[in-house]
Amino acid sequence: PALAWAETQVNVVGLFQGKAILVINGGKPRTLSVGDVSSEGIRLVSANSSQAVIEVNGVKRELGMGQAVALAPGRDGAATSGGSVTLYADSTGHHFIDGQINGAQLRFLVDTGASAIVMNSGDAKYAKIDYKRGTPVSVQTANGVANAYRVVINNVRLNGLALTQVDGLVMEGGSPAVVLLGMSALNRMEMKRDGIALTLTKKY
């Protein structure tokens, strides 16, 4: 079948017990119940309020809310690593994505208002960043002036899109709650919006 040769992109935009709302290949959101198979050959294996398990071309993938995966007919069926990733806005219009910093799994929020990748000190420690060896700076936040450290992040990965040596900012304390994907990373990508979809393609 043609499907076997085509890349299939799936994004989870809603999760419920036994059901998931999926955007498939950029189409309109549709609801699948467990056991249902879409016209593209995507089967919903299981779903609850935190994640869905889908099966495409015989390959199973676990996806959380807002996560996307592009599956190709490669031997291992892994997510494609062509240097691009598509995110879909949540109900508040924000684009979230799960990724890694130095191999540590973290949640990112696309923030064009942030000059760098911004994370709290707990996330920095989790990602094995010795941030206190960075450059101390004072940062103006909504709650006043906060202490922060400028660092260089060795490796950032968003699904198949990987960046190295990215400028970062580590804030002392627990804010921000998620990692802000700021312009030090976004400047190295082409950003293309289409409705609620935001496609990031690596430039360098």
Protein backbone atom coordinates (compact mmCIF):
# COMPACT_ATOMS: atom_id res chain seq x y z
CA PRO A 1 0.00 0.00 0.00
CA ALA A 2 1.06 3.61 -0.55
CA LEU A 3 1.04 4.16 3.21
CA ALA A 4 4.01 1.86 3.61
CA TRP A 5 6.16 4.29 1.63
CA ALA A 6 4.88 7.53 3.09
CA GLU A 7 5.88 9.28 6.28
CA THR A 8 2.93 9.48 8.64
CA GLN A 9 2.81 12.36 11.12
CA VAL A 10 0.66 12.00 14.22
CA ASN A 11 0.05 14.59 16.92
CA VAL A 12 -1.95 14.11 20.11
CA VAL A 13 -4.18 17.12 20.84
CA GLY A 14 -6.61 15.52 23.32
CA LEU A 15 -6.48 12.62 25.79
CA PHE A 16 -9.23 10.77 27.64
CA GLN A 17 -9.72 7.34 29.17
CA GLY A 18 -10.05 5.02 26.18
CA LYS A 19 -10.01 7.81 23.59
CA ALA A 20 -7.55 10.20 21.95
CA ILE A 21 -7.92 13.19 19.64
CA LEU A 22 -5.29 13.03 16.92
CA VAL A 23 -4.15 15.31 14.12
CA ILE A 24 -2.88 13.06 11.32
CA ASN A 25 -0.72 14.48 8.52
CA GLY A 26 -1.89 18.01 9.34
CA GLY A 27 -5.57 17.22 8.83
CA LYS A 28 -8.53 18.09 11.03
CA PRO A 29 -8.50 16.71 14.60
CA ARG A 30 -10.35 13.43 14.89
CA THR A 31 -11.30 11.23 17.83
CA LEU A 32 -10.28 7.56 17.93
CA SER A 33 -11.42 5.03 20.50
CA VAL A 34 -9.14 2.18 21.59
CA GLY A 35 -9.04 -0.39 18.80
CA ASP A 36 -10.07 2.08 16.09
CA VAL A 37 -7.95 2.28 12.94
CA SER A 38 -7.82 5.53 10.95
CA SER A 39 -7.98 5.63 7.16
CA GLU A 40 -4.19 6.17 7.21
CA GLY A 41 -3.71 2.88 9.05
CA ILE A 42 -3.09 4.33 12.53
CA ARG A 43 -4.46 2.17 15.34
CA LEU A 44 -5.11 3.47 18.84
CA VAL A 45 -3.79 0.72 21.13
CA SER A 46 -4.56 2.41 24.46
CA ALA A 47 -5.28 5.84 25.91
CA ASN A 48 -5.72 7.53 29.25
CA SER A 49 -5.57 11.11 30.50
CA SER A 50 -1.76 11.24 30.32
CA GLN A 51 -0.73 9.34 27.20
CA ALA A 52 -1.80 7.39 24.13
CA VAL A 53 -0.18 4.37 22.51
CA ILE A 54 -0.54 4.29 18.74
CA GLU A 55 0.55 1.73 16.17
CA VAL A 56 1.66 2.76 12.67
CA ASN A 57 3.04 0.29 10.12
CA GLY A 58 3.43 -2.25 12.93
CA VAL A 59 5.44 0.15 15.11
CA LYS A 60 4.07 1.26 18.50
CA ARG A 61 4.77 4.69 19.98
CA GLU A 62 3.78 6.30 23.28
CA LEU A 63 2.74 9.96 22.98
CA GLY A 64 1.82 12.48 25.65
CA MET A 65 -0.43 15.49 25.26
CA GLY A 66 0.89 17.82 22.55
CA GLN A 67 3.54 15.38 21.38
CA ALA A 68 4.05 14.61 17.71
CA VAL A 69 5.89 11.82 15.94
CA ALA A 70 6.70 11.29 12.27
CA LEU A 71 6.98 7.62 11.39
CA ALA A 72 8.68 6.45 8.24
CA PRO A 73 9.04 2.93 6.80
CA GLY A 74 12.64 2.63 8.04
CA ARG A 75 13.87 -0.67 9.39
CA ASP A 76 13.39 0.33 13.02
CA GLY A 77 10.36 2.55 12.45
CA ALA A 78 11.95 5.28 14.54
CA ALA A 79 10.86 8.87 14.39
CA THR A 80 12.36 10.57 11.40
CA SER A 81 15.44 12.68 12.01
CA GLY A 82 15.30 14.94 9.00
CA GLY A 83 15.96 18.01 11.14
CA SER A 84 12.38 19.23 11.49
CA VAL A 85 9.55 18.86 13.99
CA THR A 86 5.92 20.01 13.95
CA LEU A 87 4.17 21.22 17.10
CA TYR A 88 0.46 21.93 17.56
CA ALA A 89 -0.85 24.69 19.81
CA ASP A 90 -2.81 23.73 22.90
CA SER A 91 -6.10 25.36 23.88
CA THR A 92 -4.25 28.45 25.18
CA GLY A 93 -2.30 28.88 21.93
CA HIS A 94 1.03 27.75 23.36
CA HIS A 95 3.36 25.27 21.65
CA PHE A 96 4.84 22.66 24.01
CA ILE A 97 7.20 19.81 23.14
CA ASP A 98 9.00 17.11 25.10
CA GLY A 99 12.72 16.98 24.38
CA GLN A 100 16.11 16.46 25.97
CA ILE A 101 18.93 18.61 27.27
CA ASN A 102 22.16 16.63 27.52
CA GLY A 103 20.00 13.49 27.39
CA ALA A 104 17.72 14.53 30.30
CA GLN A 105 14.02 14.45 29.41
CA LEU A 106 12.41 17.89 29.84
CA ARG A 107 9.33 19.77 28.66
CA PHE A 108 9.81 22.86 26.48
CA LEU A 109 7.61 25.86 25.69
CA VAL A 110 8.33 27.81 22.50
CA ASP A 111 8.92 31.40 23.66
CA THR A 112 10.02 33.94 21.05
CA GLY A 113 10.19 36.55 23.81
CA ALA A 114 13.07 34.75 25.54
CA SER A 115 16.57 35.55 24.28
CA ALA A 116 17.97 32.13 25.19
CA ILE A 117 16.92 28.70 26.41
CA VAL A 118 15.78 29.47 29.96
CA MET A 119 15.46 26.84 32.69
CA ASN A 120 15.27 26.70 36.47
CA SER A 121 18.19 25.52 38.59
CA GLY A 122 16.55 22.16 39.36
CA ASP A 123 16.17 21.33 35.66
CA ALA A 124 19.78 22.44 35.09
CA LYS A 125 21.03 20.04 37.78
CA TYR A 126 18.89 17.27 36.28
CA ALA A 127 20.54 17.95 32.89
CA LYS A 128 23.98 17.82 34.58
CA ILE A 129 24.74 21.49 33.90
CA ASP A 130 27.20 22.96 36.41
CA TYR A 131 25.52 26.32 36.01
CA LYS A 132 27.39 28.08 38.83
CA ARG A 133 30.47 27.94 36.62
CA GLY A 134 28.56 30.14 34.18
CA THR A 135 28.45 33.94 34.14
CA PRO A 136 26.28 35.44 36.92
CA VAL A 137 23.69 37.94 35.67
CA SER A 138 20.60 39.71 37.03
CA VAL A 139 17.39 39.17 35.09
CA GLN A 140 14.21 41.23 35.26
CA THR A 141 11.16 38.98 35.70
CA ALA A 142 7.48 39.58 36.39
CA ASN A 143 8.26 39.13 40.09
CA GLY A 144 11.25 41.47 40.13
CA VAL A 145 14.98 41.00 39.67
CA ALA A 146 16.27 37.41 39.88
CA ASN A 147 19.72 35.85 39.91
CA ALA A 148 20.67 33.79 36.88
CA TYR A 149 23.69 32.28 35.14
CA ARG A 150 24.59 32.34 31.46
CA VAL A 151 25.72 28.91 30.26
CA VAL A 152 26.34 27.02 27.02
CA ILE A 153 24.21 23.89 26.62
CA ASN A 154 26.07 21.03 24.97
CA ASN A 155 23.11 19.26 23.38
CA VAL A 156 19.42 20.00 22.81
CA ARG A 157 17.17 17.46 21.10
CA LEU A 158 13.54 17.93 20.03
CA ASN A 159 12.42 14.61 18.53
CA GLY A 160 14.62 14.30 15.42
CA LEU A 161 15.94 17.87 15.58
CA ALA A 162 19.26 18.29 17.41
CA LEU A 163 21.30 21.40 18.26
CA THR A 164 24.69 21.69 19.92
CA GLN A 165 26.42 24.51 21.81
CA VAL A 166 23.30 26.59 22.48
CA ASP A 167 23.30 29.65 24.77
CA GLY A 168 21.21 29.12 27.87
CA LEU A 169 20.13 30.94 31.02
CA VAL A 170 19.65 29.18 34.36
CA MET A 171 17.39 30.90 36.91
CA GLU A 172 17.91 30.21 40.61
CA GLY A 173 14.80 28.59 42.08
CA GLY A 174 11.80 26.82 40.57
CA SER A 175 10.85 29.27 37.82
CA PRO A 176 10.20 28.84 34.93
CA ALA A 177 8.21 25.63 35.49
CA VAL A 178 9.07 24.39 31.98
CA VAL A 179 12.12 25.08 29.82
CA LEU A 180 11.63 28.13 27.61
CA LEU A 181 12.79 27.46 24.05
CA GLY A 182 14.07 30.94 23.30
CA MET A 183 15.75 32.68 20.42
CA SER A 184 19.27 31.26 20.92
CA ALA A 185 17.73 28.02 19.62
CA LEU A 186 14.91 29.39 17.45
CA ASN A 187 17.30 31.61 15.48
CA ARG A 188 18.92 28.39 14.27
CA MET A 189 15.62 27.10 12.90
CA GLU A 190 13.15 28.16 10.25
CA MET A 191 9.73 28.64 11.85
CA LYS A 192 6.66 28.06 9.69
CA ARG A 193 3.14 28.53 11.04
CA ASP A 194 0.04 26.99 9.49
CA GLY A 195 -3.02 27.41 11.68
CA ILE A 196 -2.27 25.74 15.03
CA ALA A 197 0.75 23.94 13.53
CA LEU A 198 4.28 25.27 14.00
CA THR A 199 7.03 23.52 12.05
CA LEU A 200 10.62 24.04 13.17
CA THR A 201 13.31 23.14 10.61
CA LYS A 202 16.99 23.22 11.52
CA LYS A 203 19.04 25.74 9.52
CA TYR A 204 22.42 25.06 11.15
